[in-house]
Amino acid sequence: MWIITAYSNLNNTTMFEYENEIEARKAFKEIQGCKILSKVIYFNNSKSALDV
């Protein structure tokens, strides 16, 4: 999953979610202002680190 976080001059924050990198990068080029593109990786470990 890819997330674009965009910040506006009015102190508003907007987040956009995309399923693939190509779609996210295309949208990233079109969004104006200060923005961050992030890749979100979900990790689910069935064995907790506390279980020794």
PDB file of N, CA and C in Angstrom:
ATOM      1  N   MET A   1       0.849  -1.164   0.000  1.00  0.00           N
ATOM      2  CA  MET A   1       0.000   0.000   0.000  1.00  0.00           C
ATOM      3  C   MET A   1       0.899   1.232   0.000  1.00  0.00           C
ATOM      4  N   TRP A   2       0.461   2.253  -0.716  1.00  0.00           N
ATOM      5  CA  TRP A   2       1.190   3.510  -0.818  1.00  0.00           C
ATOM      6  C   TRP A   2       0.303   4.649  -0.315  1.00  0.00           C
ATOM      7  N   ILE A   3       0.902   5.548   0.438  1.00  0.00           N
ATOM      8  CA  ILE A   3       0.178   6.673   1.038  1.00  0.00           C
ATOM      9  C   ILE A   3       0.857   7.982   0.626  1.00  0.00           C
ATOM     10  N   ILE A   4       0.046   8.939   0.190  1.00  0.00           N
ATOM     11  CA  ILE A   4       0.540  10.298  -0.030  1.00  0.00           C
ATOM     12  C   ILE A   4      -0.065  11.168   1.057  1.00  0.00           C
ATOM     13  N   THR A   5       0.796  11.839   1.795  1.00  0.00           N
ATOM     14  CA  THR A   5       0.357  12.792   2.804  1.00  0.00           C
ATOM     15  C   THR A   5       0.660  14.181   2.269  1.00  0.00           C
ATOM     16  N   ALA A   6      -0.371  15.009   2.132  1.00  0.00           N
ATOM     17  CA  ALA A   6      -0.219  16.356   1.587  1.00  0.00           C
ATOM     18  C   ALA A   6      -0.580  17.380   2.656  1.00  0.00           C
ATOM     19  N   TYR A   7       0.251  18.421   2.759  1.00  0.00           N
ATOM     20  CA  TYR A   7       0.038  19.492   3.727  1.00  0.00           C
ATOM     21  C   TYR A   7      -0.273  20.775   2.982  1.00  0.00           C
ATOM     22  N   SER A   8      -1.293  21.507   3.423  1.00  0.00           N
ATOM     23  CA  SER A   8      -1.652  22.763   2.768  1.00  0.00           C
ATOM     24  C   SER A   8      -1.214  23.954   3.618  1.00  0.00           C
ATOM     25  N   ASN A   9      -1.293  25.121   3.033  1.00  0.00           N
ATOM     26  CA  ASN A   9      -0.940  26.354   3.753  1.00  0.00           C
ATOM     27  C   ASN A   9      -1.936  26.682   4.852  1.00  0.00           C
ATOM     28  N   LEU A  10      -3.107  26.077   4.817  1.00  0.00           N
ATOM     29  CA  LEU A  10      -4.146  26.346   5.814  1.00  0.00           C
ATOM     30  C   LEU A  10      -4.087  25.357   6.978  1.00  0.00           C
ATOM     31  N   ASN A  11      -2.937  24.697   7.148  1.00  0.00           N
ATOM     32  CA  ASN A  11      -2.726  23.715   8.215  1.00  0.00           C
ATOM     33  C   ASN A  11      -3.647  22.507   8.097  1.00  0.00           C
ATOM     34  N   ASN A  12      -4.033  22.171   6.873  1.00  0.00           N
ATOM     35  CA  ASN A  12      -4.825  20.968   6.626  1.00  0.00           C
ATOM     36  C   ASN A  12      -3.903  19.852   6.158  1.00  0.00           C
ATOM     37  N   THR A  13      -4.182  18.648   6.617  1.00  0.00           N
ATOM     38  CA  THR A  13      -3.438  17.471   6.195  1.00  0.00           C
ATOM     39  C   THR A  13      -4.420  16.523   5.523  1.00  0.00           C
ATOM     40  N   THR A  14      -4.048  16.043   4.332  1.00  0.00           N
ATOM     41  CA  THR A  14      -4.886  15.109   3.599  1.00  0.00           C
ATOM     42  C   THR A  14      -4.054  13.892   3.234  1.00  0.00           C
ATOM     43  N   MET A  15      -4.647  12.715   3.381  1.00  0.00           N
ATOM     44  CA  MET A  15      -3.944  11.479   3.048  1.00  0.00           C
ATOM     45  C   MET A  15      -4.698  10.748   1.941  1.00  0.00           C
ATOM     46  N   PHE A  16      -3.934  10.260   0.962  1.00  0.00           N
ATOM     47  CA  PHE A  16      -4.485   9.501  -0.153  1.00  0.00           C
ATOM     48  C   PHE A  16      -3.858   8.110  -0.139  1.00  0.00           C
ATOM     49  N   GLU A  17      -4.657   7.088  -0.372  1.00  0.00           N
ATOM     50  CA  GLU A  17      -4.192   5.702  -0.305  1.00  0.00           C
ATOM     51  C   GLU A  17      -4.265   5.069  -1.695  1.00  0.00           C
ATOM     52  N   TYR A  18      -3.196   4.346  -2.065  1.00  0.00           N
ATOM     53  CA  TYR A  18      -3.120   3.694  -3.376  1.00  0.00           C
ATOM     54  C   TYR A  18      -2.649   2.257  -3.206  1.00  0.00           C
ATOM     55  N   GLU A  19      -3.131   1.396  -4.089  1.00  0.00           N
ATOM     56  CA  GLU A  19      -2.785  -0.023  -4.026  1.00  0.00           C
ATOM     57  C   GLU A  19      -1.429  -0.330  -4.651  1.00  0.00           C
ATOM     58  N   ASN A  20      -1.013   0.463  -5.649  1.00  0.00           N
ATOM     59  CA  ASN A  20       0.259   0.145  -6.298  1.00  0.00           C
ATOM     60  C   ASN A  20       1.112   1.396  -6.480  1.00  0.00           C
ATOM     61  N   GLU A  21       2.390   1.177  -6.705  1.00  0.00           N
ATOM     62  CA  GLU A  21       3.364   2.257  -6.784  1.00  0.00           C
ATOM     63  C   GLU A  21       3.153   3.157  -8.002  1.00  0.00           C
ATOM     64  N   ILE A  22       2.817   2.565  -9.137  1.00  0.00           N
ATOM     65  CA  ILE A  22       2.643   3.346 -10.367  1.00  0.00           C
ATOM     66  C   ILE A  22       1.525   4.374 -10.208  1.00  0.00           C
ATOM     67  N   GLU A  23       0.416   3.921  -9.669  1.00  0.00           N
ATOM     68  CA  GLU A  23      -0.732   4.811  -9.435  1.00  0.00           C
ATOM     69  C   GLU A  23      -0.366   5.929  -8.455  1.00  0.00           C
ATOM     70  N   ALA A  24       0.354   5.573  -7.395  1.00  0.00           N
ATOM     71  CA  ALA A  24       0.732   6.552  -6.374  1.00  0.00           C
ATOM     72  C   ALA A  24       1.701   7.590  -6.931  1.00  0.00           C
ATOM     73  N   ARG A  25       2.683   7.148  -7.691  1.00  0.00           N
ATOM     74  CA  ARG A  25       3.665   8.089  -8.249  1.00  0.00           C
ATOM     75  C   ARG A  25       3.042   9.034  -9.273  1.00  0.00           C
ATOM     76  N   LYS A  26       2.071   8.528 -10.026  1.00  0.00           N
ATOM     77  CA  LYS A  26       1.364   9.382 -10.988  1.00  0.00           C
ATOM     78  C   LYS A  26       0.600  10.494 -10.250  1.00  0.00           C
ATOM     79  N   ALA A  27      -0.119  10.118  -9.200  1.00  0.00           N
ATOM     80  CA  ALA A  27      -0.866  11.098  -8.412  1.00  0.00           C
ATOM     81  C   ALA A  27       0.072  12.062  -7.689  1.00  0.00           C
ATOM     82  N   PHE A  28       1.220  11.554  -7.229  1.00  0.00           N
ATOM     83  CA  PHE A  28       2.192  12.375  -6.508  1.00  0.00           C
ATOM     84  C   PHE A  28       2.664  13.542  -7.358  1.00  0.00           C
ATOM     85  N   LYS A  29       2.870  13.300  -8.651  1.00  0.00           N
ATOM     86  CA  LYS A  29       3.320  14.360  -9.563  1.00  0.00           C
ATOM     87  C   LYS A  29       2.262  15.447  -9.729  1.00  0.00           C
ATOM     88  N   GLU A  30       0.997  15.075  -9.621  1.00  0.00           N
ATOM     89  CA  GLU A  30      -0.093  16.024  -9.856  1.00  0.00           C
ATOM     90  C   GLU A  30      -0.474  16.838  -8.629  1.00  0.00           C
ATOM     91  N   ILE A  31      -0.166  16.348  -7.450  1.00  0.00           N
ATOM     92  CA  ILE A  31      -0.531  17.038  -6.207  1.00  0.00           C
ATOM     93  C   ILE A  31       0.432  18.193  -5.969  1.00  0.00           C
ATOM     94  N   GLN A  32      -0.115  19.363  -5.696  1.00  0.00           N
ATOM     95  CA  GLN A  32       0.681  20.565  -5.462  1.00  0.00           C
ATOM     96  C   GLN A  32       1.017  20.699  -3.978  1.00  0.00           C
ATOM     97  N   GLY A  33       2.099  21.403  -3.682  1.00  0.00           N
ATOM     98  CA  GLY A  33       2.454  21.722  -2.309  1.00  0.00           C
ATOM     99  C   GLY A  33       3.392  20.706  -1.677  1.00  0.00           C
ATOM    100  N   CYS A  34       3.466  20.790  -0.375  1.00  0.00           N
ATOM    101  CA  CYS A  34       4.341  19.911   0.402  1.00  0.00           C
ATOM    102  C   CYS A  34       3.673  18.546   0.533  1.00  0.00           C
ATOM    103  N   LYS A  35       4.390  17.486   0.161  1.00  0.00           N
ATOM    104  CA  LYS A  35       3.803  16.145   0.159  1.00  0.00           C
ATOM    105  C   LYS A  35       4.867  15.098   0.436  1.00  0.00           C
ATOM    106  N   ILE A  36       4.432  13.965   0.952  1.00  0.00           N
ATOM    107  CA  ILE A  36       5.316  12.844   1.271  1.00  0.00           C
ATOM    108  C   ILE A  36       4.690  11.580   0.710  1.00  0.00           C
ATOM    109  N   LEU A  37       5.500  10.778   0.025  1.00  0.00           N
ATOM    110  CA  LEU A  37       5.052   9.491  -0.493  1.00  0.00           C
ATOM    111  C   LEU A  37       5.663   8.401   0.379  1.00  0.00           C
ATOM    112  N   SER A  38       4.818   7.522   0.915  1.00  0.00           N
ATOM    113  CA  SER A  38       5.275   6.471   1.823  1.00  0.00           C
ATOM    114  C   SER A  38       4.770   5.108   1.367  1.00  0.00           C
ATOM    115  N   LYS A  39       5.606   4.101   1.544  1.00  0.00           N
ATOM    116  CA  LYS A  39       5.193   2.721   1.309  1.00  0.00           C
ATOM    117  C   LYS A  39       4.895   2.097   2.669  1.00  0.00           C
ATOM    118  N   VAL A  40       3.706   1.507   2.795  1.00  0.00           N
ATOM    119  CA  VAL A  40       3.292   0.898   4.052  1.00  0.00           C
ATOM    120  C   VAL A  40       3.405  -0.613   3.902  1.00  0.00           C
ATOM    121  N   ILE A  41       4.143  -1.223   4.810  1.00  0.00           N
ATOM    122  CA  ILE A  41       4.314  -2.672   4.798  1.00  0.00           C
ATOM    123  C   ILE A  41       3.718  -3.217   6.082  1.00  0.00           C
ATOM    124  N   TYR A  42       2.783  -4.122   5.923  1.00  0.00           N
ATOM    125  CA  TYR A  42       2.173  -4.750   7.086  1.00  0.00           C
ATOM    126  C   TYR A  42       2.929  -6.028   7.413  1.00  0.00           C
ATOM    127  N   PHE A  43       3.269  -6.199   8.672  1.00  0.00           N
ATOM    128  CA  PHE A  43       3.982  -7.386   9.116  1.00  0.00           C
ATOM    129  C   PHE A  43       3.197  -8.003  10.258  1.00  0.00           C
ATOM    130  N   ASN A  44       2.871  -9.251  10.104  1.00  0.00           N
ATOM    131  CA  ASN A  44       2.135  -9.950  11.137  1.00  0.00           C
ATOM    132  C   ASN A  44       2.912 -11.199  11.510  1.00  0.00           C
ATOM    133  N   ASN A  45       3.527 -11.165  12.678  1.00  0.00           N
ATOM    134  CA  ASN A  45       4.321 -12.286  13.160  1.00  0.00           C
ATOM    135  C   ASN A  45       3.465 -13.093  14.115  1.00  0.00           C
ATOM    136  N   SER A  46       3.257 -14.350  13.811  1.00  0.00           N
ATOM    137  CA  SER A  46       2.392 -15.175  14.668  1.00  0.00           C
ATOM    138  C   SER A  46       3.027 -15.456  16.019  1.00  0.00           C
ATOM    139  N   LYS A  47       4.349 -15.329  16.123  1.00  0.00           N
ATOM    140  CA  LYS A  47       5.027 -15.542  17.404  1.00  0.00           C
ATOM    141  C   LYS A  47       5.481 -14.195  17.938  1.00  0.00           C
ATOM    142  N   SER A  48       4.963 -13.802  19.058  1.00  0.00           N
ATOM    143  CA  SER A  48       5.295 -12.520  19.650  1.00  0.00           C
ATOM    144  C   SER A  48       6.754 -12.515  20.130  1.00  0.00           C
ATOM    145  N   ALA A  49       7.381 -11.355  20.103  1.00  0.00           N
ATOM    146  CA  ALA A  49       8.756 -11.226  20.562  1.00  0.00           C
ATOM    147  C   ALA A  49       8.863 -11.473  22.054  1.00  0.00           C
ATOM    148  N   LEU A  50       7.764 -11.346  22.771  1.00  0.00           N
ATOM    149  CA  LEU A  50       7.784 -11.579  24.207  1.00  0.00           C
ATOM    150  C   LEU A  50       7.703 -13.057  24.578  1.00  0.00           C
ATOM    151  N   ASP A  51       7.284 -13.898  23.621  1.00  0.00           N
ATOM    152  CA  ASP A  51       7.205 -15.335  23.865  1.00  0.00           C
ATOM    153  C   ASP A  51       8.589 -15.937  23.705  1.00  0.00           C
ATOM    154  N   VAL A  52       9.185 -16.323  24.784  1.00  0.00           N
ATOM    155  CA  VAL A  52      10.547 -16.894  24.717  1.00  0.00           C
ATOM    156  C   VAL A  52      10.543 -18.318  25.192  1.00  0.00           C
TER     157      VAL A  52
END
